[in-house]
Protein backbone atom coordinates (compact mmCIF):
# COMPACT_ATOMS: atom_id res chain seq x y z
CA MET A 1 21.80 -70.31 24.51
CA THR A 2 21.22 -68.78 21.19
CA THR A 3 17.78 -70.24 20.89
CA THR A 4 16.79 -68.84 24.30
CA GLN A 5 18.07 -65.55 23.53
CA GLN A 6 16.33 -65.36 20.21
CA ALA A 7 13.09 -66.42 21.96
CA HIS A 8 13.58 -63.72 24.40
CA TYR A 9 13.93 -61.18 21.70
CA THR A 10 11.09 -62.39 19.53
CA ALA A 11 8.75 -62.33 22.74
CA LEU A 12 9.91 -58.91 23.67
CA ARG A 13 9.26 -57.77 20.09
CA GLU A 14 5.69 -59.05 20.23
CA ARG A 15 5.10 -56.98 23.44
CA VAL A 16 6.80 -53.71 22.23
CA LEU A 17 5.77 -53.33 18.67
CA PRO A 18 2.00 -52.72 19.55
CA ARG A 19 3.01 -49.69 21.53
CA VAL A 20 4.70 -48.09 18.43
CA GLN A 21 2.36 -49.17 15.59
CA GLN A 22 1.16 -45.36 15.34
CA LEU A 23 4.10 -43.02 15.81
CA ALA A 24 3.66 -39.35 16.73
CA HIS A 25 5.55 -36.12 16.48
CA VAL A 26 6.59 -34.42 19.59
CA ILE A 27 6.06 -30.69 19.39
CA ASP A 28 6.56 -28.53 22.60
CA GLY A 29 6.55 -31.57 24.99
CA THR A 30 3.42 -33.14 23.40
CA PHE A 31 3.02 -36.30 21.34
CA THR A 32 0.68 -35.38 18.52
CA VAL A 33 -0.11 -36.63 15.06
CA GLY A 34 0.00 -33.03 13.75
CA GLU A 35 -2.19 -31.39 11.36
CA SER A 36 -1.54 -33.35 8.17
CA THR A 37 -3.50 -36.57 7.24
CA GLU A 38 -0.52 -37.86 5.12
CA THR A 39 1.31 -40.89 6.61
CA PHE A 40 4.00 -43.45 5.65
CA VAL A 41 4.52 -47.00 6.64
CA SER A 42 7.70 -48.45 8.14
CA LEU A 43 8.48 -51.94 6.91
CA ASN A 44 10.29 -54.99 8.51
CA PRO A 45 13.11 -55.59 6.20
CA ALA A 46 13.11 -59.19 7.21
CA THR A 47 9.67 -59.80 5.85
CA ASN A 48 8.53 -56.56 4.09
CA GLU A 49 5.51 -56.43 6.33
CA PRO A 50 4.20 -53.29 7.80
CA ILE A 51 5.31 -52.59 11.42
CA ALA A 52 4.43 -48.88 12.07
CA THR A 53 2.65 -46.11 10.63
CA ALA A 54 4.12 -42.50 11.09
CA PRO A 55 2.61 -39.04 10.33
CA VAL A 56 4.34 -36.77 7.70
CA ALA A 57 4.93 -33.30 9.20
CA SER A 58 3.07 -30.58 7.40
CA PRO A 59 4.49 -27.02 6.98
CA ALA A 60 2.26 -26.04 9.77
CA ASP A 61 3.64 -28.75 11.84
CA VAL A 62 7.12 -27.72 10.94
CA GLU A 63 6.41 -24.09 11.83
CA ARG A 64 4.94 -25.10 15.38
CA ALA A 65 8.08 -27.35 16.07
CA VAL A 66 10.43 -24.51 15.15
CA GLN A 67 8.49 -21.93 17.02
CA ALA A 68 8.39 -24.11 20.26
CA ALA A 69 12.32 -24.75 19.92
CA ARG A 70 12.76 -20.92 19.35
CA ARG A 71 10.61 -20.14 22.50
CA ALA A 72 12.39 -22.64 24.52
CA PHE A 73 15.73 -21.19 23.43
CA ASP A 74 14.74 -17.48 23.88
CA GLU A 75 12.59 -17.76 27.07
CA GLY A 76 12.79 -21.05 28.41
CA PRO A 77 14.85 -22.65 31.27
CA TRP A 78 17.13 -25.02 29.16
CA PRO A 79 19.77 -22.53 27.88
CA ARG A 80 19.78 -20.81 31.35
CA LEU A 81 20.37 -23.82 33.49
CA PRO A 82 23.63 -24.34 35.06
CA ALA A 83 25.79 -26.66 33.03
CA ALA A 84 25.88 -29.10 36.14
CA GLU A 85 22.04 -29.30 36.06
CA ARG A 86 22.12 -29.83 32.39
CA ALA A 87 24.53 -32.58 32.90
CA ARG A 88 22.33 -34.34 35.64
CA ILE A 89 19.50 -34.45 33.08
CA LEU A 90 21.69 -35.96 30.52
CA ARG A 91 22.93 -38.60 32.75
CA ARG A 92 19.26 -39.49 33.44
CA ILE A 93 18.85 -39.94 29.84
CA ALA A 94 21.65 -42.43 29.66
CA GLU A 95 20.27 -44.30 32.60
CA GLY A 96 16.98 -44.36 30.69
CA ILE A 97 18.70 -45.94 27.69
CA ARG A 98 20.55 -48.48 29.57
CA ALA A 99 17.25 -49.47 31.51
CA ARG A 100 15.38 -50.00 28.15
CA ALA A 101 18.40 -51.33 26.13
CA ASP A 102 16.68 -54.74 25.10
CA GLU A 103 13.62 -52.77 24.03
CA ILE A 104 15.51 -50.29 22.05
CA ALA A 105 17.74 -52.98 20.45
CA VAL A 106 14.65 -55.18 19.44
CA LEU A 107 13.02 -52.18 17.85
CA GLU A 108 16.00 -51.04 16.17
CA SER A 109 16.82 -54.51 14.80
CA THR A 110 13.35 -55.17 13.63
CA ASP A 111 13.23 -51.69 11.89
CA THR A 112 16.68 -51.85 10.31
CA GLY A 113 17.56 -55.60 9.74
CA ILE A 114 20.83 -55.12 11.63
CA PRO A 115 21.84 -58.26 13.80
CA ILE A 116 20.69 -57.97 17.29
CA THR A 117 24.08 -58.48 18.76
CA GLN A 118 25.53 -55.62 16.81
CA ILE A 119 22.76 -53.32 17.87
CA ARG A 120 22.48 -54.39 21.54
CA GLU A 121 26.13 -54.40 22.59
CA ALA A 122 27.61 -51.75 20.32
CA GLN A 123 24.96 -49.29 19.16
CA VAL A 124 22.73 -48.99 22.11
CA LEU A 125 25.26 -48.93 24.79
CA ARG A 126 27.28 -46.43 22.73
CA ALA A 127 24.21 -44.27 22.64
CA ALA A 128 24.05 -44.28 26.42
CA ASP A 129 27.73 -43.45 26.60
CA ASN A 130 27.18 -40.42 24.29
CA PHE A 131 24.87 -38.86 26.98
CA ASP A 132 27.16 -39.58 29.82
CA PHE A 133 30.10 -38.25 27.87
CA PHE A 134 28.53 -35.01 26.87
CA ALA A 135 27.15 -34.58 30.24
CA GLU A 136 30.67 -34.56 31.69
CA MET A 137 31.89 -32.19 28.69
CA ALA A 138 28.95 -29.58 29.41
CA THR A 139 30.80 -28.86 32.72
CA ARG A 140 34.03 -28.31 30.88
CA ILE A 141 33.07 -25.76 28.33
CA THR A 142 35.38 -22.79 29.04
CA GLY A 143 36.97 -20.01 27.25
CA GLU A 144 40.49 -18.52 27.18
CA SER A 145 41.90 -15.27 28.43
CA TYR A 146 44.43 -12.93 26.71
CA PRO A 147 45.54 -10.29 29.29
CA VAL A 148 47.52 -7.24 27.80
CA ASP A 149 49.97 -6.16 30.49
CA THR A 150 47.77 -4.04 32.95
CA THR A 151 45.65 -2.37 30.35
CA PHE A 152 43.18 -5.03 29.08
CA LEU A 153 41.96 -8.34 29.94
CA ASN A 154 40.40 -10.15 26.83
CA TYR A 155 38.51 -13.31 27.25
CA THR A 156 36.22 -15.66 25.50
CA VAL A 157 33.07 -17.30 26.43
CA ARG A 158 31.02 -20.01 24.64
CA ARG A 159 27.30 -19.78 24.41
CA PRO A 160 24.66 -21.92 22.83
CA VAL A 161 23.78 -21.04 19.21
CA GLY A 162 20.02 -21.53 19.07
CA VAL A 163 17.86 -23.79 17.48
CA ALA A 164 19.26 -26.93 15.75
CA ALA A 165 17.75 -29.09 13.12
CA LEU A 166 19.23 -32.67 13.60
CA ILE A 167 18.65 -34.91 10.43
CA THR A 168 19.70 -38.45 10.86
CA PRO A 169 20.12 -41.55 8.34
CA TRP A 170 18.51 -44.73 8.43
CA ASN A 171 21.44 -46.95 9.40
CA THR A 172 21.90 -47.31 13.21
CA PRO A 173 19.57 -44.52 13.82
CA PHE A 174 19.28 -44.50 17.53
CA MET A 175 22.98 -44.13 18.24
CA LEU A 176 23.27 -41.46 15.45
CA GLU A 177 20.46 -39.60 16.92
CA THR A 178 21.96 -39.62 20.38
CA TRP A 179 25.40 -38.59 18.72
CA LYS A 180 23.66 -35.23 17.81
CA VAL A 181 21.03 -34.68 20.40
CA ALA A 182 23.57 -35.17 23.36
CA PRO A 183 26.03 -32.49 22.44
CA CYS A 184 23.25 -30.24 21.27
CA LEU A 185 21.50 -30.33 24.68
CA ALA A 186 24.64 -30.34 26.48
CA ALA A 187 25.74 -27.02 24.98
CA GLY A 188 22.38 -25.64 25.77
CA ASN A 189 20.67 -25.40 22.33
CA THR A 190 17.18 -26.61 21.49
CA CYS A 191 16.35 -28.86 18.75
CA ILE A 192 14.25 -30.62 16.27
CA LEU A 193 15.07 -34.07 15.54
CA LYS A 194 14.10 -35.45 11.88
CA PRO A 195 14.87 -39.29 11.65
CA ALA A 196 14.71 -41.22 8.41
CA SER A 197 11.70 -42.47 7.17
CA TRP A 198 13.10 -45.90 6.56
CA SER A 199 13.85 -46.49 10.23
CA PRO A 200 11.77 -44.19 12.36
CA LEU A 201 10.75 -46.56 15.50
CA SER A 202 13.57 -46.06 17.93
CA ALA A 203 13.25 -42.15 17.79
CA THR A 204 9.95 -42.31 19.72
CA LEU A 205 11.79 -44.27 22.47
CA LEU A 206 14.42 -41.55 22.66
CA ALA A 207 11.69 -38.95 22.85
CA GLU A 208 10.07 -40.81 25.86
CA ILE A 209 13.47 -41.10 27.65
CA VAL A 210 14.20 -37.54 27.11
CA GLN A 211 10.86 -36.40 28.44
CA GLU A 212 10.99 -38.81 31.47
CA ALA A 213 14.62 -37.40 32.34
CA GLY A 214 13.27 -33.87 32.66
CA VAL A 215 14.30 -31.89 29.54
CA PRO A 216 11.64 -29.10 29.40
CA PRO A 217 8.97 -28.78 26.89
CA GLY A 218 10.29 -27.30 23.37
CA ALA A 219 13.97 -28.11 24.27
CA PHE A 220 13.58 -31.44 22.31
CA ASN A 221 11.19 -31.88 19.26
CA LEU A 222 10.69 -34.64 16.96
CA LEU A 223 9.19 -34.57 13.34
CA TYR A 224 8.68 -37.39 11.02
CA GLY A 225 8.58 -37.21 7.27
CA PRO A 226 10.60 -37.33 4.10
CA GLY A 227 13.80 -35.37 3.89
CA GLU A 228 12.90 -33.51 0.77
CA GLN A 229 9.84 -32.29 2.40
CA VAL A 230 10.45 -31.85 6.06
CA GLY A 231 14.41 -31.90 6.26
CA GLU A 232 14.59 -29.23 3.61
CA ALA A 233 11.99 -27.16 5.30
CA LEU A 234 13.89 -27.37 8.53
CA ALA A 235 17.09 -26.54 6.60
CA ALA A 236 15.43 -23.44 4.98
CA HIS A 237 13.72 -21.95 7.97
CA PRO A 238 15.03 -18.67 9.17
CA ALA A 239 14.45 -19.57 12.73
CA VAL A 240 16.78 -22.56 12.53
CA ASN A 241 20.38 -21.52 13.31
CA LEU A 242 22.32 -24.85 12.87
CA VAL A 243 21.85 -27.97 10.80
CA SER A 244 23.65 -31.28 11.60
CA PHE A 245 23.09 -33.87 8.80
CA THR A 246 24.23 -37.46 8.27
CA GLY A 247 23.47 -38.92 5.17
CA GLU A 248 24.18 -39.22 1.41
CA THR A 249 26.51 -36.64 -0.21
CA THR A 250 23.83 -35.47 -2.72
CA THR A 251 21.35 -34.85 -0.17
CA GLY A 252 23.76 -32.84 1.95
CA LYS A 253 24.47 -30.63 -0.97
CA ARG A 254 20.91 -30.05 -1.62
CA LEU A 255 20.24 -29.20 2.13
CA MET A 256 23.15 -26.50 2.12
CA ARG A 257 21.61 -25.01 -0.84
CA VAL A 258 18.20 -24.37 0.53
CA GLY A 259 19.78 -23.24 3.84
CA ALA A 260 22.12 -20.77 2.33
CA ASP A 261 20.00 -17.71 2.30
CA THR A 262 19.93 -17.69 5.89
CA LEU A 263 23.75 -18.31 6.48
CA LYS A 264 23.03 -21.12 8.99
CA ARG A 265 25.76 -23.40 10.38
CA PHE A 266 26.16 -26.84 8.60
CA SER A 267 27.78 -29.82 9.97
CA MET A 268 27.95 -32.57 7.22
CA GLU A 269 28.84 -36.18 7.72
CA LEU A 270 28.25 -37.49 4.23
CA GLY A 271 29.36 -40.49 2.00
CA GLY A 272 32.32 -42.71 2.12
CA LYS A 273 34.42 -45.18 -0.06
CA SER A 274 37.12 -45.89 2.47
CA PRO A 275 40.17 -47.98 1.53
CA VAL A 276 41.81 -50.60 3.63
CA LEU A 277 45.56 -50.97 2.85
CA VAL A 278 47.15 -54.17 3.77
CA PHE A 279 50.94 -54.72 3.38
CA ALA A 280 52.83 -57.96 3.23
CA ASP A 281 54.47 -57.24 6.54
CA ALA A 282 51.20 -56.70 8.29
CA ASP A 283 49.58 -59.10 10.92
CA LEU A 284 47.56 -60.84 8.16
CA ASP A 285 45.23 -62.71 10.62
CA ARG A 286 44.27 -59.47 12.27
CA ALA A 287 44.15 -57.58 9.09
CA LEU A 288 41.63 -60.26 7.58
CA ASP A 289 39.31 -60.13 10.56
CA ALA A 290 39.23 -56.42 10.50
CA ALA A 291 38.71 -56.14 6.72
CA ILE A 292 35.66 -58.52 7.04
CA PHE A 293 34.15 -56.97 10.12
CA GLY A 294 34.85 -53.33 8.54
CA VAL A 295 32.66 -53.84 5.60
CA PHE A 296 30.18 -56.52 6.43
CA SER A 297 29.04 -55.57 9.93
CA LEU A 298 25.95 -53.56 10.13
CA ASN A 299 24.98 -55.34 6.82
CA GLY A 300 27.48 -53.09 5.07
CA GLU A 301 25.34 -50.13 5.57
CA ARG A 302 27.80 -47.96 7.25
CA CYS A 303 29.54 -44.76 6.08
CA THR A 304 32.97 -45.78 7.36
CA ALA A 305 32.85 -49.25 5.71
CA GLY A 306 36.23 -50.28 4.30
CA SER A 307 34.66 -51.21 1.13
CA ARG A 308 37.94 -50.99 -1.03
CA LEU A 309 40.56 -53.62 0.08
CA LEU A 310 44.00 -52.70 -1.25
CA VAL A 311 46.33 -55.77 -0.89
CA GLU A 312 50.00 -55.95 -1.86
CA ARG A 313 50.51 -58.22 -4.78
CA THR A 314 53.09 -60.47 -2.92
CA ILE A 315 50.33 -61.76 -0.66
CA TYR A 316 47.37 -60.99 -2.92
CA ASP A 317 46.62 -64.60 -3.87
CA THR A 318 46.87 -66.15 -0.62
CA PHE A 319 44.97 -63.20 1.10
CA VAL A 320 42.14 -63.52 -1.39
CA ASP A 321 41.82 -67.21 -1.04
CA ARG A 322 41.28 -66.80 2.82
CA LEU A 323 39.05 -63.86 2.23
CA ILE A 324 36.82 -65.88 -0.12
CA GLN A 325 36.51 -68.77 2.35
CA ARG A 326 35.55 -66.55 5.29
CA VAL A 327 33.07 -64.46 3.28
CA ARG A 328 31.51 -67.75 2.11
CA ASN A 329 30.95 -68.75 5.68
CA ILE A 330 29.29 -65.54 6.93
CA ARG A 331 25.97 -66.29 8.45
CA VAL A 332 22.92 -64.53 6.96
CA GLY A 333 19.68 -64.75 8.66
CA ASP A 334 17.07 -63.41 11.05
CA PRO A 335 18.22 -60.16 12.62
CA LEU A 336 16.86 -61.21 16.16
CA ASP A 337 18.82 -64.53 15.96
CA PRO A 338 22.18 -63.68 17.99
CA ALA A 339 23.99 -66.19 15.67
CA THR A 340 23.33 -64.11 12.66
CA GLU A 341 26.18 -61.83 11.23
CA VAL A 342 24.49 -60.31 8.35
CA GLY A 343 20.73 -59.53 8.19
CA PRO A 344 18.49 -58.10 5.52
CA LEU A 345 19.09 -54.80 3.82
CA ILE A 346 16.72 -52.11 5.06
CA HIS A 347 14.53 -51.61 2.09
CA GLN A 348 13.77 -53.24 -1.15
CA ARG A 349 14.98 -50.20 -2.92
CA GLN A 350 18.41 -50.55 -1.16
CA LEU A 351 18.44 -54.22 -2.04
CA ALA A 352 17.62 -53.36 -5.76
CA ARG A 353 20.57 -50.62 -5.51
CA VAL A 354 23.06 -53.17 -4.30
CA GLN A 355 21.98 -55.73 -6.93
CA GLY A 356 22.33 -53.12 -9.51
CA TYR A 357 26.07 -52.59 -8.55
CA LEU A 358 26.65 -56.27 -8.44
CA ALA A 359 25.57 -56.49 -12.08
CA LEU A 360 27.49 -53.33 -12.96
CA GLY A 361 30.67 -54.88 -11.35
CA GLN A 362 30.51 -57.99 -13.51
CA GLN A 363 29.74 -56.00 -16.64
CA GLU A 364 32.99 -53.91 -15.84
CA GLY A 365 35.02 -56.98 -15.83
CA ALA A 366 35.50 -57.51 -12.05
CA ARG A 367 35.15 -61.10 -10.89
CA LEU A 368 32.41 -61.91 -8.33
CA ALA A 369 34.44 -64.53 -6.37
CA VAL A 370 31.66 -65.41 -3.88
CA GLY A 371 28.22 -64.18 -2.76
CA GLY A 372 25.96 -61.59 -4.38
CA GLU A 373 23.04 -64.06 -4.54
CA ARG A 374 19.79 -64.23 -2.69
CA PRO A 375 19.72 -66.80 -0.01
CA SER A 376 18.10 -70.29 -0.66
CA ASP A 377 16.52 -70.64 2.66
CA PRO A 378 12.72 -70.39 2.28
CA ALA A 379 12.47 -68.77 5.70
CA LEU A 380 14.25 -65.58 4.16
CA ALA A 381 12.64 -65.48 1.02
CA ARG A 382 10.30 -62.55 1.93
CA GLY A 383 12.96 -60.25 3.21
CA ASN A 384 15.73 -58.10 1.60
CA TYR A 385 18.53 -60.59 2.28
CA LEU A 386 21.61 -60.86 0.05
CA ARG A 387 24.61 -62.94 0.57
CA PRO A 388 27.91 -60.89 1.16
CA ALA A 389 29.60 -60.34 -2.14
CA LEU A 390 33.22 -60.06 -2.85
CA PHE A 391 34.78 -58.73 -6.11
CA VAL A 392 38.26 -59.50 -6.75
CA ASP A 393 40.84 -58.25 -9.49
CA VAL A 394 38.97 -54.90 -9.32
CA GLN A 395 40.40 -51.86 -11.34
CA PRO A 396 40.57 -48.61 -9.47
CA THR A 397 38.63 -46.76 -12.12
CA MET A 398 35.52 -49.09 -12.02
CA ARG A 399 32.35 -47.66 -10.79
CA ILE A 400 32.20 -50.28 -8.05
CA ALA A 401 35.63 -49.01 -6.85
CA GLN A 402 34.63 -45.33 -7.10
CA GLU A 403 30.94 -45.07 -5.87
CA GLU A 404 29.42 -45.72 -2.48
CA ILE A 405 27.31 -48.80 -2.63
CA PHE A 406 26.24 -48.95 1.00
CA GLY A 407 25.70 -52.83 1.25
CA PRO A 408 27.43 -55.81 1.95
CA VAL A 409 30.05 -55.60 -1.02
CA LEU A 410 33.68 -55.51 -0.89
CA CYS A 411 36.08 -54.88 -3.75
CA VAL A 412 39.64 -56.05 -3.82
CA ILE A 413 42.39 -54.12 -5.49
CA PRO A 414 45.89 -55.30 -5.79
CA PHE A 415 48.92 -52.85 -5.62
CA SER A 416 52.72 -53.20 -5.88
CA THR A 417 54.27 -50.17 -4.38
CA GLU A 418 53.49 -47.82 -1.37
CA GLU A 419 53.11 -44.93 -4.06
CA GLU A 420 50.61 -47.03 -6.00
CA ALA A 421 48.57 -47.88 -2.85
CA LEU A 422 48.58 -44.33 -1.92
CA ARG A 423 47.44 -43.06 -5.39
CA ILE A 424 44.59 -45.69 -5.43
CA ALA A 425 43.45 -44.90 -1.89
CA ASN A 426 43.20 -41.21 -2.61
CA GLY A 427 41.73 -41.69 -5.98
CA VAL A 428 38.07 -41.21 -5.26
CA LYS A 429 36.01 -38.16 -4.37
CA TYR A 430 35.36 -39.31 -0.78
CA GLY A 431 37.47 -39.07 2.13
CA LEU A 432 35.81 -40.20 5.22
CA ALA A 433 38.00 -42.99 6.75
CA ALA A 434 40.91 -45.06 5.91
CA TYR A 435 42.56 -48.24 7.49
CA LEU A 436 46.17 -49.13 7.24
CA TRP A 437 47.97 -52.47 8.00
CA THR A 438 51.66 -52.75 8.36
CA SER A 439 54.30 -53.54 10.95
CA ASP A 440 56.69 -50.87 9.54
CA VAL A 441 56.15 -47.96 11.94
CA THR A 442 57.91 -45.56 9.53
CA ARG A 443 55.83 -46.59 6.69
CA ALA A 444 52.71 -46.08 8.95
CA MET A 445 53.82 -42.55 9.99
CA ARG A 446 54.50 -41.64 6.28
CA LEU A 447 51.24 -42.84 4.96
CA ALA A 448 48.68 -42.02 7.66
CA PRO A 449 49.00 -38.17 7.06
CA ALA A 450 49.13 -38.81 3.33
CA LEU A 451 45.96 -40.55 3.21
CA GLU A 452 42.98 -38.21 2.17
CA ALA A 453 40.65 -39.15 4.93
CA GLY A 454 39.37 -37.39 7.89
CA MET A 455 40.12 -40.32 10.21
CA VAL A 456 42.90 -42.94 9.66
CA TRP A 457 43.15 -46.25 11.77
CA VAL A 458 46.66 -48.07 11.93
CA ASN A 459 46.44 -51.76 12.58
CA SER A 460 42.80 -51.52 13.84
CA GLN A 461 39.26 -51.63 12.70
CA ASN A 462 36.99 -48.75 13.56
CA VAL A 463 37.45 -48.13 17.18
CA ARG A 464 36.02 -44.68 18.30
CA ASP A 465 37.30 -42.75 21.08
CA LEU A 466 34.35 -40.38 22.11
CA ARG A 467 37.03 -37.71 22.61
CA THR A 468 38.34 -37.54 19.10
CA PRO A 469 36.94 -35.61 16.15
CA PHE A 470 34.71 -37.35 13.69
CA GLY A 471 34.05 -36.16 10.05
CA GLY A 472 35.56 -36.33 6.53
CA MET A 473 37.42 -34.63 3.72
CA LYS A 474 36.39 -33.92 0.25
CA GLU A 475 32.84 -35.00 -0.52
CA SER A 476 32.56 -36.88 2.70
CA GLY A 477 31.71 -33.87 4.50
CA ILE A 478 32.25 -30.52 6.23
CA GLY A 479 33.19 -29.99 10.03
CA ARG A 480 33.84 -32.26 12.92
CA GLU A 481 31.85 -33.60 15.89
CA GLY A 482 33.03 -35.55 18.65
CA GLY A 483 34.58 -34.51 21.97
CA PHE A 484 35.15 -30.79 22.27
CA TYR A 485 34.90 -30.41 18.48
CA SER A 486 31.10 -30.78 18.89
CA PHE A 487 31.05 -27.64 20.86
CA GLU A 488 32.91 -25.80 17.88
CA PHE A 489 29.68 -26.40 16.11
CA TYR A 490 27.10 -26.20 18.87
CA THR A 491 28.42 -23.14 20.68
CA GLU A 492 29.21 -19.51 19.56
CA VAL A 493 32.44 -17.92 20.70
CA LYS A 494 32.05 -14.42 22.09
CA THR A 495 35.11 -12.17 22.79
CA ILE A 496 34.85 -9.73 25.81
CA HIS A 497 37.37 -6.94 25.92
CA VAL A 498 37.70 -5.34 29.46
CA ALA A 499 39.76 -2.18 29.86
CA LEU A 500 41.69 -2.27 33.26
CA GLY A 501 43.17 1.17 33.04
CA THR A 502 42.89 4.63 31.40
CA HIS A 503 44.53 3.60 27.94
CA ARG A 504 44.72 6.30 25.35
CA ILE A 505 41.76 6.96 23.32
CA PRO A 506 42.24 9.07 19.90
CA ARG A 507 40.11 12.27 20.24
CA MET A 508 38.04 13.13 17.32
CA GLY A 509 35.72 16.24 16.80
CA VAL A 510 37.49 18.47 19.33
CA GLY A 511 38.28 21.26 16.89
CA GLN A 512 41.62 23.12 16.33
């Protein structure tokens, strides 16, 4: 079965890749290479061979895209369509994604190195769900009324804000692109999508599906290029009203600085160093499964990865022994092989970054219990492969326990008391996610609010309900998206005051 599936995905890749070898921007409904002759190459992380060439948007291309989005918002039909009509178009996008799910998954897996099963079942289908969900939400955007006796009716309405720059990261790009595009369009805004240069392929499929679904020209635009060139130009542009960014904290800070002069809105989902707290009274089998999946799925390249595992001392040795055996058995291989659990890291630079932290951790005195080496299989020699790594006996102040590695590396830290666990968990600059494992409900209710994280899961891995807010505290970001919280960002609240009677108006300028 696995061999048959891999052959299917490999054959599909050979059919699809020639269609995307030369990518193009989308400006005002037209695919175009733009005015610049500058390009960049996307590499297959499994082989480091080129798979596609993309244009780099010039300043003139950025200007054209912004003006197209501006016209589409100020004069075009999209913001003026009834919500039910926008919802029908968004549902057609969801249908288009599901119809091309295998094609999207193969391109995404080839471009990112993430195992096909994790892309196909979780990421692509969730991307379709995003459009269905926000299609429904579009019809539920309502205001509130504040009547005052019989003299006034005050009420609020929500209106789209304008032109949005949507800047997405290189990990799970397709799903995260839909996570931004769907609520943005649902609210009636227009947008320019700027995908990451390390994983540009699937964005072109999204653009095709958006056009086929009937989104009018200019409402959705797509630009390729480096963040410091294209992303910053979008953030600084006075005609761009909103910037939604997912990525590294330092980059997010820079975008906010360049966009500050025009007082635009920012939604920032940034880095993380999320703790997993395991108490002795937890369901240890489930906690073990969740801890491993939470940091090693998606090749460890996920913002909500539980990369710090805090284990109560009374079970520490036993839990670590089980952990070592499981990590040693993780299957590393070709991302198109359905049996693969960890594929290659996305880029040679990211591989070098992670290897640097592996060396640093050992210099700091942590024990590398298993992994961290390049696989011996000659078939994997050309790719950015790295065996999942497990550091044990880590001190909370070590850099490997403080800084985001963004790779398949887990740091295990012992603790003795609930207070110590909370102090260690909160003792980093990040605050995106946290995971708590205990059978003591009162402990869970005490600790969950005390953990400095925007999202806390109790006795669960990262299972997302689309209705709930997503976002972090501290240097993990600003704002929340998800459910109706997305419309706190993508809509403007306007208050309308209607006088119902002849209330008293103070008179001025009438003399003595």
